[in-house]
Amino acid sequence: MNPKQQHEELNVFIDRFEKTAKQATAGLEEPVVKQKMLEEFLLKLDSDLAFYVRDKEPADYETAVEHARKIDVLLKLKKMRATENENDKMNDLEELADRLAERMRLYGPGRNPQNSNGW
């Protein structure tokens, strides 16, 4: 089975994983199936998500999936917040560049910006 792709939605991966796991574990006893599913699930998750799910020390596959779903949402929120912060920084830089361009226009070569009450 292929690992979870970076941009693959978790629920899509879980569906794909469960279909493949059911085929691969057909005929095995239930405790063996549950252990194999837990192990393989943790191996196939992307590294960040797997790290946090492992940290929760899930006892079985179902618990691991539950943790993965919660953590996946938290990681997406974290990424969104980081993107918002980057956008804010870019807006601040654009504003600074606009102010600098305006000052350069007002106080071109040979003019003394120290005499203004701007910056």
Protein backbone atom coordinates (compact mmCIF):
# COMPACT_ATOMS: atom_id res chain seq x y z
CA MET A 1 0.00 0.00 0.00
CA ASN A 2 1.18 3.48 -0.85
CA PRO A 3 1.71 6.00 1.94
CA LYS A 4 -0.59 8.96 2.44
CA GLN A 5 0.24 11.59 -0.13
CA GLN A 6 1.09 15.04 1.18
CA HIS A 7 -2.00 16.73 -0.28
CA GLU A 8 -4.31 13.74 0.04
CA GLU A 9 -7.22 14.29 2.39
CA LEU A 10 -7.00 12.08 5.47
CA ASN A 11 -10.46 10.55 5.00
CA VAL A 12 -9.63 9.60 1.40
CA PHE A 13 -6.44 7.95 2.62
CA ILE A 14 -8.30 6.10 5.41
CA ASP A 15 -10.84 4.73 2.93
CA ARG A 16 -8.06 3.60 0.60
CA PHE A 17 -6.08 2.14 3.50
CA GLU A 18 -9.03 0.16 4.89
CA LYS A 19 -9.92 -1.35 1.50
CA THR A 20 -6.34 -2.47 0.95
CA ALA A 21 -5.93 -3.70 4.53
CA LYS A 22 -9.09 -5.81 4.36
CA GLN A 23 -7.81 -7.53 1.24
CA ALA A 24 -4.32 -7.99 2.67
CA THR A 25 -5.48 -9.40 6.00
CA ALA A 26 -8.25 -11.68 4.73
CA GLY A 27 -8.17 -14.97 6.64
CA LEU A 28 -6.14 -13.69 9.58
CA GLU A 29 -7.47 -13.73 13.13
CA GLU A 30 -9.08 -10.53 14.42
CA PRO A 31 -6.37 -9.63 17.01
CA VAL A 32 -3.68 -10.02 14.33
CA VAL A 33 -5.68 -7.89 11.88
CA LYS A 34 -6.14 -5.12 14.44
CA GLN A 35 -2.45 -5.05 15.33
CA LYS A 36 -1.35 -5.10 11.67
CA MET A 37 -3.77 -2.29 10.80
CA LEU A 38 -2.47 -0.14 13.64
CA GLU A 39 1.16 -0.72 12.70
CA GLU A 40 0.64 -0.16 8.98
CA PHE A 41 -1.55 2.89 9.51
CA LEU A 42 1.16 4.58 11.56
CA LEU A 43 3.78 3.66 8.98
CA LYS A 44 1.77 5.03 6.05
CA LEU A 45 0.79 8.39 7.55
CA ASP A 46 2.87 11.40 6.63
CA SER A 47 5.65 12.00 9.13
CA ASP A 48 4.20 15.01 11.00
CA LEU A 49 0.82 13.41 11.49
CA ALA A 50 2.33 10.04 12.43
CA PHE A 51 4.58 11.72 15.01
CA TYR A 52 1.65 13.28 16.85
CA VAL A 53 -0.55 10.19 16.60
CA ARG A 54 2.25 7.98 17.95
CA ASP A 55 2.71 10.44 20.80
CA LYS A 56 -0.89 9.66 21.87
CA GLU A 57 0.07 5.96 22.13
CA PRO A 58 -3.14 4.60 20.60
CA ALA A 59 -4.05 1.11 21.78
CA ASP A 60 -5.76 0.12 18.53
CA TYR A 61 -6.43 1.15 14.95
CA GLU A 62 -9.76 2.87 15.68
CA THR A 63 -8.20 5.05 18.36
CA ALA A 64 -5.30 5.91 16.05
CA VAL A 65 -7.75 7.01 13.36
CA GLU A 66 -9.66 9.13 15.87
CA HIS A 67 -6.44 10.84 17.00
CA ALA A 68 -5.29 11.27 13.39
CA ARG A 69 -8.51 13.04 12.44
CA LYS A 70 -8.28 15.47 15.36
CA ILE A 71 -4.59 16.15 14.86
CA ASP A 72 -5.04 16.59 11.11
CA VAL A 73 -7.49 19.43 11.77
CA LEU A 74 -5.10 21.04 14.26
CA LEU A 75 -2.19 20.84 11.81
CA LYS A 76 -4.32 22.42 9.08
CA LEU A 77 -5.30 25.24 11.43
CA LYS A 78 -1.65 25.76 12.34
CA LYS A 79 -0.71 25.93 8.66
CA MET A 80 -3.53 28.40 7.96
CA ARG A 81 -2.41 30.61 10.83
CA ALA A 82 1.20 30.54 9.59
CA THR A 83 0.01 31.50 6.11
CA GLU A 84 -2.03 34.38 7.56
CA ASN A 85 1.05 35.59 9.47
CA GLU A 86 3.15 35.46 6.29
CA ASN A 87 0.47 37.42 4.43
CA ASP A 88 0.45 40.02 7.22
CA LYS A 89 4.23 40.33 6.98
CA MET A 90 4.01 40.77 3.20
CA ASN A 91 1.33 43.46 3.63
CA ASP A 92 3.58 45.24 6.14
CA LEU A 93 6.51 45.07 3.70
CA GLU A 94 4.36 46.39 0.86
CA GLU A 95 3.21 49.27 3.06
CA LEU A 96 6.80 50.03 4.01
CA ALA A 97 7.87 49.93 0.36
CA ASP A 98 5.01 52.29 -0.57
CA ARG A 99 6.03 54.72 2.18
CA LEU A 100 9.66 54.56 1.09
CA ALA A 101 8.73 55.18 -2.55
CA GLU A 102 6.60 58.16 -1.51
CA ARG A 103 9.46 59.63 0.54
CA MET A 104 11.84 59.13 -2.35
CA ARG A 105 9.38 60.92 -4.63
CA LEU A 106 8.93 63.78 -2.16
CA TYR A 107 12.57 64.04 -1.13
CA GLY A 108 14.41 63.16 -4.29
CA PRO A 109 18.16 63.54 -4.74
CA GLY A 110 19.53 66.62 -3.02
CA ARG A 111 16.56 67.10 -0.69
CA ASN A 112 16.91 66.67 3.05
CA PRO A 113 14.23 64.42 4.58
CA GLN A 114 15.51 65.30 8.08
CA ASN A 115 13.71 68.62 7.87
CA SER A 116 10.28 66.96 7.49
CA ASN A 117 8.04 65.71 10.25
CA GLY A 118 7.65 62.25 8.59
CA TRP A 119 9.85 59.39 9.70
